[in-house]
Amino acid sequence: MNSMKSNTNTKGIYIKSKLKLSNEKREEGWSLKYFSSTRPISKIKRLLFRNQTQKFNSSGYGLKRFSRQVEEMTNERITEDYVREHFKNDDYFKSKKALIEEQISSNPRVKKLLSSASKNGIGKGYPEFIISFKDEPEFIIVIECKGDIKKHQSKDRDKYSEYSVDGALLYSSYLSKEFDVLSIAVSGEIKKEIKVSHFLQLKNKHEAPEILGSKLLSIQNYLKEYKYDERKFKQSYEDLLKYSKELNDFLQSKKVKESDRSLLISGILIALDDESFKVAYEKQKNPKSLAENLVNTIKQQLSYDITNEKVEILTHQYNFIKIHPTLSKNSDKDENVLRILIKNIDENINSFMKTNKKTSSKPAMKKMQQSFCVLIKT
């Protein structure tokens, strides 16, 4: 790390890679305890830049203010260590289902959204922790920490750089432009007194209601609470109905008869329950082979639940897929229409059904299925 010098007319301030202070600052009463953190000193660097126009001297306000800010950051490291210790042995983190990053994310979308999310109004935002998920790419967790438990939440939640709740909600407001965000504020240094607040802000929504309790939970529990949230179900349901209209238009443009549309969708959903098919379909480049594989998988899946006679009757109805001029052949643009259709149904319908199968009431799911069927037939 290169040494840094403040841009002032007074004696320079140096912070080197070994966190040693210059002789001049030792004489002015600086202590190495302010720089005892083993964490990278990016925050201290930013403080220096922010205060570079202040006049630093042995009795000036600028030096005292800077000293106080650095001491607050040192206390904050204790809170961060508590959070880090809590998550480091989490099963989701150990199995690499979740990625935990500090201050800067490797996700380009996250980096872009935080590029103007500074708590001071200008520049980038640097949350203490950012948690993302391999299997839930549209959900993200952001954590903001403060060492002083009195700095947990301001009255109007608008002192972003001073309070953990205020800062966490600020980051959430930026990230929610493209993600569902669980923001967590953690304050305090003593383990028994640590204060925790949770807020869930869904994509493109302004509201961020407080949820859960006042303790840190496991990553698995956070995912569970997110999926069980009634607002999330409502949002997903609305998205599904919107997709159903798009799907109906797509099938109509591909010359799929109205009477065959619900049958085709149900068959694809049945086949997607077969893990072998789910893995293999994206690799099948030949539409005719894919159509045959789809119908054969449907037949096999049906055989687990109903008699052979009924299986044959239903399979006969699904056979139109194998000879349909659009589904069994590449389009004029050399697109595998059937493969595109299966992928879209998997992402939009199948994922919704699997996510909400156990989390939603039977009447709600039945209403959703009826509404979807009506939209497809119209």
Protein backbone atom coordinates (compact mmCIF):
# COMPACT_ATOMS: atom_id res chain seq x y z
CA MET A 1 0.00 0.00 0.00
CA ASN A 2 1.43 3.38 -0.93
CA SER A 3 1.92 5.98 1.73
CA MET A 4 -0.43 8.92 1.72
CA LYS A 5 0.13 12.57 2.51
CA SER A 6 -2.59 15.07 3.44
CA ASN A 7 -2.92 18.07 1.13
CA THR A 8 -2.43 20.78 3.76
CA ASN A 9 0.10 23.49 4.57
CA THR A 10 0.87 21.90 7.91
CA LYS A 11 2.98 18.87 8.65
CA GLY A 12 2.04 15.81 6.64
CA ILE A 13 0.11 12.81 7.93
CA TYR A 14 1.43 9.44 6.81
CA ILE A 15 -0.23 6.03 7.04
CA LYS A 16 1.96 3.21 5.80
CA SER A 17 1.24 -0.46 5.19
CA LYS A 18 2.51 -1.40 8.68
CA LEU A 19 0.22 1.26 10.17
CA LYS A 20 3.07 3.26 11.67
CA LEU A 21 2.64 6.94 12.48
CA SER A 22 5.09 9.66 11.54
CA ASN A 23 7.32 11.11 14.24
CA GLU A 24 5.52 14.42 13.92
CA LYS A 25 2.19 12.85 14.85
CA ARG A 26 3.72 10.94 17.78
CA GLU A 27 4.83 14.28 19.20
CA GLU A 28 1.29 15.61 18.83
CA GLY A 29 -0.15 12.77 20.93
CA TRP A 30 -1.39 10.30 18.29
CA SER A 31 -1.68 6.70 19.40
CA LEU A 32 -1.20 3.50 17.42
CA LYS A 33 -4.39 2.11 18.98
CA TYR A 34 -6.35 4.14 16.44
CA PHE A 35 -4.81 2.08 13.68
CA SER A 36 -4.71 -1.32 15.34
CA SER A 37 -7.31 -2.89 13.04
CA THR A 38 -6.12 -5.80 10.89
CA ARG A 39 -8.66 -4.82 8.28
CA PRO A 40 -7.63 -2.81 5.18
CA ILE A 41 -7.66 0.91 6.00
CA SER A 42 -9.80 2.05 3.07
CA LYS A 43 -12.16 3.82 5.46
CA ILE A 44 -9.27 5.69 7.07
CA LYS A 45 -8.03 6.68 3.63
CA ARG A 46 -11.45 8.05 2.76
CA LEU A 47 -11.50 10.00 6.03
CA LEU A 48 -8.19 11.57 5.15
CA PHE A 49 -9.44 12.67 1.76
CA ARG A 50 -12.63 14.00 3.32
CA ASN A 51 -10.66 16.05 5.84
CA GLN A 52 -7.79 17.09 3.63
CA THR A 53 -8.97 20.71 3.58
CA GLN A 54 -9.10 20.83 7.39
CA LYS A 55 -6.16 22.39 9.17
CA PHE A 56 -4.47 19.68 11.25
CA ASN A 57 -2.39 20.92 14.17
CA SER A 58 -1.88 20.06 17.82
CA SER A 59 -4.78 22.19 19.01
CA GLY A 60 -7.00 22.54 15.93
CA TYR A 61 -10.57 21.27 15.67
CA GLY A 62 -9.76 19.32 12.51
CA LEU A 63 -7.26 17.06 14.27
CA LYS A 64 -9.58 16.39 17.21
CA ARG A 65 -12.47 15.61 14.89
CA PHE A 66 -10.34 13.26 12.82
CA SER A 67 -9.08 11.54 15.99
CA ARG A 68 -12.65 11.02 17.19
CA GLN A 69 -13.75 9.63 13.83
CA VAL A 70 -10.89 7.13 13.71
CA GLU A 71 -11.61 6.02 17.28
CA GLU A 72 -15.25 5.43 16.32
CA MET A 73 -14.10 3.30 13.41
CA THR A 74 -11.88 1.27 15.74
CA ASN A 75 -14.91 0.54 17.94
CA GLU A 76 -16.87 -0.33 14.80
CA ARG A 77 -14.32 -3.04 13.97
CA ILE A 78 -15.42 -4.90 17.11
CA THR A 79 -19.01 -4.94 15.85
CA GLU A 80 -17.85 -6.11 12.42
CA ASP A 81 -15.83 -8.91 14.02
CA TYR A 82 -18.98 -10.05 15.82
CA VAL A 83 -20.91 -10.19 12.52
CA ARG A 84 -18.02 -11.88 10.73
CA GLU A 85 -17.72 -14.50 13.47
CA HIS A 86 -21.48 -15.14 13.33
CA PHE A 87 -21.51 -15.95 9.61
CA LYS A 88 -18.12 -17.60 9.03
CA ASN A 89 -19.30 -21.08 10.08
CA ASP A 90 -22.72 -20.80 8.44
CA ASP A 91 -23.58 -23.85 6.32
CA TYR A 92 -24.60 -21.73 3.33
CA PHE A 93 -21.28 -19.91 3.39
CA LYS A 94 -19.24 -23.09 3.86
CA SER A 95 -21.07 -24.86 1.02
CA LYS A 96 -20.54 -21.79 -1.20
CA LYS A 97 -24.27 -21.29 -1.69
CA ALA A 98 -23.78 -17.80 -0.33
CA LEU A 99 -21.01 -15.30 -0.99
CA ILE A 100 -20.08 -12.84 1.75
CA GLU A 101 -18.11 -9.78 0.66
CA GLU A 102 -16.90 -6.75 2.57
CA GLN A 103 -17.40 -3.18 1.33
CA ILE A 104 -16.97 -3.97 -2.38
CA SER A 105 -18.97 -6.53 -4.37
CA SER A 106 -17.70 -8.56 -7.32
CA ASN A 107 -21.20 -8.36 -8.84
CA PRO A 108 -21.18 -5.68 -11.59
CA ARG A 109 -24.85 -4.84 -10.96
CA VAL A 110 -24.24 -4.25 -7.26
CA LYS A 111 -21.11 -2.19 -7.94
CA LYS A 112 -22.99 0.01 -10.36
CA LEU A 113 -25.91 0.60 -7.97
CA LEU A 114 -23.56 1.50 -5.10
CA SER A 115 -21.42 3.77 -7.27
CA SER A 116 -23.45 6.79 -6.14
CA ALA A 117 -24.67 5.54 -2.75
CA SER A 118 -22.23 7.40 -0.50
CA LYS A 119 -23.55 8.12 2.98
CA ASN A 120 -22.12 11.63 2.64
CA GLY A 121 -23.97 12.37 -0.58
CA ILE A 122 -21.09 12.19 -3.04
CA GLY A 123 -19.30 9.10 -4.34
CA LYS A 124 -19.54 5.37 -3.80
CA GLY A 125 -21.20 3.44 -1.01
CA TYR A 126 -19.30 0.88 1.03
CA PRO A 127 -21.54 -1.39 3.16
CA GLU A 128 -19.77 -3.42 5.82
CA PHE A 129 -21.05 -6.73 4.39
CA ILE A 130 -22.83 -7.79 1.20
CA ILE A 131 -24.31 -11.31 0.97
CA SER A 132 -25.44 -12.73 -2.37
CA PHE A 133 -26.77 -16.13 -3.39
CA LYS A 134 -26.00 -18.58 -6.16
CA ASP A 135 -29.58 -19.91 -6.35
CA GLU A 136 -31.33 -16.61 -5.54
CA PRO A 137 -29.59 -14.07 -7.77
CA GLU A 138 -32.35 -11.47 -7.33
CA PHE A 139 -32.04 -11.39 -3.53
CA ILE A 140 -29.27 -9.66 -1.61
CA ILE A 141 -28.44 -8.91 2.03
CA VAL A 142 -26.61 -5.74 3.06
CA ILE A 143 -25.26 -5.15 6.59
CA GLU A 144 -24.20 -1.88 8.21
CA CYS A 145 -22.43 -1.72 11.60
CA LYS A 146 -21.79 0.86 14.30
CA GLY A 147 -19.73 0.38 17.44
CA ASP A 148 -21.81 2.71 19.61
CA ILE A 149 -25.20 1.20 20.46
CA LYS A 150 -26.54 4.75 20.80
CA LYS A 151 -25.83 5.20 17.10
CA HIS A 152 -28.32 2.53 16.04
CA GLN A 153 -31.10 4.68 14.60
CA SER A 154 -31.82 8.38 14.32
CA LYS A 155 -35.29 9.89 14.72
CA ASP A 156 -35.82 10.52 11.00
CA ARG A 157 -33.44 7.85 9.69
CA ASP A 158 -31.60 10.44 7.62
CA LYS A 159 -28.18 10.56 9.31
CA TYR A 160 -26.69 7.97 7.01
CA SER A 161 -23.05 8.18 8.05
CA GLU A 162 -23.74 8.30 11.79
CA TYR A 163 -26.38 5.59 12.42
CA SER A 164 -26.43 1.94 11.35
CA VAL A 165 -30.17 1.74 10.51
CA ASP A 166 -30.00 4.96 8.50
CA GLY A 167 -26.98 3.72 6.53
CA ALA A 168 -28.42 0.25 5.90
CA LEU A 169 -31.68 1.71 4.57
CA LEU A 170 -29.78 4.12 2.35
CA TYR A 171 -27.92 1.24 0.68
CA SER A 172 -31.18 -0.69 0.40
CA SER A 173 -32.84 2.22 -1.42
CA TYR A 174 -30.18 2.04 -4.13
CA LEU A 175 -29.92 -1.75 -4.38
CA SER A 176 -33.71 -2.22 -4.52
CA LYS A 177 -33.73 -0.70 -8.00
CA GLU A 178 -32.68 -4.15 -9.23
CA PHE A 179 -32.86 -6.51 -6.22
CA ASP A 180 -35.02 -7.61 -3.33
CA VAL A 181 -32.98 -6.38 -0.36
CA LEU A 182 -32.79 -7.48 3.26
CA SER A 183 -30.92 -4.69 5.08
CA ILE A 184 -29.53 -5.42 8.52
CA ALA A 185 -28.30 -2.83 11.02
CA VAL A 186 -26.02 -4.02 13.84
CA SER A 187 -24.85 -1.77 16.69
CA GLY A 188 -22.84 -2.26 19.87
CA GLU A 189 -19.57 -3.76 21.07
CA ILE A 190 -20.67 -6.03 23.92
CA LYS A 191 -22.12 -9.30 22.64
CA LYS A 192 -24.98 -9.43 25.12
CA GLU A 193 -26.02 -5.88 24.28
CA ILE A 194 -25.72 -6.02 20.48
CA LYS A 195 -28.75 -4.44 18.83
CA VAL A 196 -30.00 -5.76 15.47
CA SER A 197 -32.75 -4.49 13.13
CA HIS A 198 -33.97 -6.07 9.88
CA PHE A 199 -35.79 -4.44 6.95
CA LEU A 200 -37.08 -6.02 3.74
CA GLN A 201 -37.35 -3.79 0.68
CA LEU A 202 -38.64 -5.47 -2.47
CA LYS A 203 -37.52 -4.53 -5.95
CA ASN A 204 -38.89 -1.18 -7.17
CA LYS A 205 -40.75 -0.61 -3.90
CA HIS A 206 -40.24 2.39 -1.62
CA GLU A 207 -41.44 0.70 1.55
CA ALA A 208 -38.95 -1.13 3.76
CA PRO A 209 -40.90 -2.46 6.77
CA GLU A 210 -39.05 -3.84 9.75
CA ILE A 211 -39.27 -7.63 10.06
CA LEU A 212 -37.93 -10.45 12.22
CA GLY A 213 -36.50 -9.93 15.69
CA SER A 214 -33.47 -8.26 17.26
CA LYS A 215 -30.95 -11.10 16.83
CA LEU A 216 -28.79 -12.20 13.93
CA LEU A 217 -30.10 -15.39 12.29
CA SER A 218 -28.56 -18.01 10.02
CA ILE A 219 -28.44 -17.37 6.28
CA GLN A 220 -30.87 -20.26 5.77
CA ASN A 221 -33.39 -18.61 8.10
CA TYR A 222 -33.05 -15.31 6.27
CA LEU A 223 -33.78 -17.04 2.98
CA LYS A 224 -36.77 -18.82 4.51
CA GLU A 225 -38.23 -15.61 5.93
CA TYR A 226 -37.72 -13.87 2.59
CA LYS A 227 -39.55 -16.61 0.67
CA TYR A 228 -42.37 -16.80 3.25
CA ASP A 229 -43.00 -13.06 3.22
CA GLU A 230 -46.57 -12.34 2.09
CA ARG A 231 -45.52 -9.21 0.23
CA LYS A 232 -43.01 -11.27 -1.72
CA PHE A 233 -45.71 -13.80 -2.66
CA LYS A 234 -47.99 -11.00 -3.83
CA GLN A 235 -45.20 -9.46 -5.90
CA SER A 236 -44.29 -12.82 -7.46
CA TYR A 237 -47.95 -13.56 -8.15
CA GLU A 238 -48.38 -10.24 -9.95
CA ASP A 239 -45.24 -10.91 -11.98
CA LEU A 240 -46.57 -14.34 -12.88
CA LEU A 241 -49.86 -12.96 -14.16
CA LYS A 242 -47.96 -10.40 -16.19
CA TYR A 243 -45.81 -13.17 -17.66
CA SER A 244 -48.89 -15.26 -18.47
CA LYS A 245 -50.11 -12.54 -20.83
CA GLU A 246 -46.70 -12.40 -22.50
CA LEU A 247 -46.65 -16.20 -22.78
CA ASN A 248 -50.10 -16.29 -24.35
CA ASP A 249 -49.02 -13.73 -26.96
CA PHE A 250 -45.85 -15.71 -27.63
CA LEU A 251 -47.75 -18.99 -28.18
CA GLN A 252 -50.24 -17.25 -30.41
CA SER A 253 -47.42 -15.83 -32.54
CA LYS A 254 -45.95 -19.34 -32.88
CA LYS A 255 -49.27 -20.72 -34.17
CA VAL A 256 -50.04 -22.88 -31.13
CA LYS A 257 -53.79 -23.48 -30.99
CA GLU A 258 -55.70 -22.02 -28.09
CA SER A 259 -56.93 -25.51 -27.15
CA ASP A 260 -53.33 -26.80 -26.99
CA ARG A 261 -51.72 -24.00 -24.97
CA SER A 262 -52.67 -25.12 -21.46
CA LEU A 263 -51.81 -28.72 -22.41
CA LEU A 264 -48.38 -27.67 -23.67
CA ILE A 265 -47.59 -25.65 -20.52
CA SER A 266 -48.78 -28.42 -18.19
CA GLY A 267 -46.66 -30.96 -20.09
CA ILE A 268 -43.53 -28.82 -19.79
CA LEU A 269 -44.12 -28.36 -16.05
CA ILE A 270 -44.56 -32.14 -15.64
CA ALA A 271 -41.31 -32.81 -17.53
CA LEU A 272 -39.40 -30.22 -15.49
CA ASP A 273 -40.06 -32.32 -12.38
CA ASP A 274 -37.62 -34.83 -13.89
CA GLU A 275 -34.11 -33.73 -12.92
CA SER A 276 -32.51 -35.53 -15.88
CA PHE A 277 -34.72 -33.66 -18.32
CA LYS A 278 -34.13 -30.35 -16.54
CA VAL A 279 -30.38 -30.75 -16.93
CA ALA A 280 -30.46 -32.09 -20.49
CA TYR A 281 -32.98 -29.92 -22.34
CA GLU A 282 -30.73 -26.85 -22.65
CA LYS A 283 -28.06 -28.96 -24.33
CA GLN A 284 -30.40 -30.36 -26.99
CA LYS A 285 -29.90 -28.29 -30.14
CA ASN A 286 -32.19 -30.33 -32.39
CA PRO A 287 -35.84 -29.22 -31.88
CA LYS A 288 -37.29 -32.51 -33.12
CA SER A 289 -35.18 -34.54 -30.66
CA LEU A 290 -36.11 -32.17 -27.86
CA ALA A 291 -39.83 -32.49 -28.69
CA GLU A 292 -39.58 -36.28 -28.58
CA ASN A 293 -37.63 -36.17 -25.32
CA LEU A 294 -40.26 -33.85 -23.83
CA VAL A 295 -43.19 -36.14 -24.70
CA ASN A 296 -41.30 -39.27 -23.51
CA THR A 297 -40.48 -37.57 -20.20
CA ILE A 298 -44.11 -36.53 -19.73
CA LYS A 299 -45.18 -40.13 -20.31
CA GLN A 300 -42.64 -41.44 -17.82
CA GLN A 301 -43.63 -38.91 -15.15
CA LEU A 302 -47.34 -39.69 -15.58
CA SER A 303 -46.72 -43.42 -15.20
CA TYR A 304 -45.69 -42.86 -11.56
CA ASP A 305 -49.18 -41.66 -10.58
CA ILE A 306 -51.85 -43.09 -12.91
CA THR A 307 -52.73 -46.33 -14.69
CA ASN A 308 -51.10 -47.31 -18.00
CA GLU A 309 -54.42 -46.91 -19.82
CA LYS A 310 -54.77 -43.30 -18.74
CA VAL A 311 -51.10 -42.66 -19.50
CA GLU A 312 -51.61 -43.78 -23.10
CA ILE A 313 -54.67 -41.56 -23.50
CA LEU A 314 -52.87 -38.48 -22.17
CA THR A 315 -49.68 -39.20 -24.09
CA HIS A 316 -51.69 -39.29 -27.30
CA GLN A 317 -52.92 -35.77 -26.52
CA TYR A 318 -49.35 -34.54 -26.00
CA ASN A 319 -48.11 -36.04 -29.29
CA PHE A 320 -49.02 -32.84 -31.16
CA ILE A 321 -45.78 -31.38 -29.74
CA LYS A 322 -43.66 -33.77 -31.83
CA ILE A 323 -45.23 -32.73 -35.12
CA HIS A 324 -45.98 -29.06 -34.52
CA PRO A 325 -44.34 -27.04 -37.35
CA THR A 326 -42.93 -24.41 -34.98
CA LEU A 327 -42.12 -26.42 -31.88
CA SER A 328 -40.37 -29.29 -33.67
CA LYS A 329 -38.28 -27.15 -36.03
CA ASN A 330 -35.90 -24.21 -35.85
CA SER A 331 -37.45 -20.83 -36.66
CA ASP A 332 -36.45 -18.62 -39.56
CA LYS A 333 -33.95 -16.98 -37.21
CA ASP A 334 -32.51 -20.42 -36.45
CA GLU A 335 -33.98 -20.31 -32.93
CA ASN A 336 -34.98 -23.41 -31.03
CA VAL A 337 -38.43 -22.14 -30.07
CA LEU A 338 -39.29 -25.11 -27.86
CA ARG A 339 -36.07 -24.80 -25.86
CA ILE A 340 -36.66 -21.06 -25.36
CA LEU A 341 -40.23 -21.80 -24.25
CA ILE A 342 -39.16 -24.47 -21.74
CA LYS A 343 -36.50 -22.18 -20.27
CA ASN A 344 -38.93 -19.28 -19.85
CA ILE A 345 -41.58 -21.49 -18.26
CA ASP A 346 -38.97 -22.94 -15.91
CA GLU A 347 -37.79 -19.50 -14.81
CA ASN A 348 -41.17 -17.83 -14.52
CA ILE A 349 -43.74 -20.51 -13.64
CA ASN A 350 -41.90 -23.54 -12.32
CA SER A 351 -39.72 -21.51 -9.95
CA PHE A 352 -42.80 -19.72 -8.61
CA MET A 353 -44.65 -23.01 -8.04
CA LYS A 354 -41.72 -24.60 -6.24
CA THR A 355 -40.98 -21.55 -4.11
CA ASN A 356 -44.59 -20.99 -3.02
CA LYS A 357 -45.82 -24.59 -2.87
CA LYS A 358 -45.09 -24.83 0.85
CA THR A 359 -45.16 -21.16 1.76
CA SER A 360 -48.62 -20.19 0.52
CA SER A 361 -52.10 -21.28 1.48
CA LYS A 362 -53.99 -23.76 -0.70
CA PRO A 363 -56.78 -21.24 -1.52
CA ALA A 364 -54.17 -18.71 -2.70
CA MET A 365 -52.45 -21.27 -4.91
CA LYS A 366 -55.77 -22.50 -6.32
CA LYS A 367 -56.80 -18.93 -7.13
CA MET A 368 -53.46 -18.36 -8.84
CA GLN A 369 -53.84 -21.51 -10.98
CA GLN A 370 -57.39 -20.57 -12.01
CA SER A 371 -56.38 -17.02 -12.92
CA PHE A 372 -53.43 -18.30 -14.93
CA CYS A 373 -55.54 -20.78 -16.88
CA VAL A 374 -58.12 -18.09 -17.73
CA LEU A 375 -55.41 -15.76 -19.04
CA ILE A 376 -53.86 -18.48 -21.21
CA LYS A 377 -57.22 -19.32 -22.81
CA THR A 378 -58.09 -15.73 -23.62
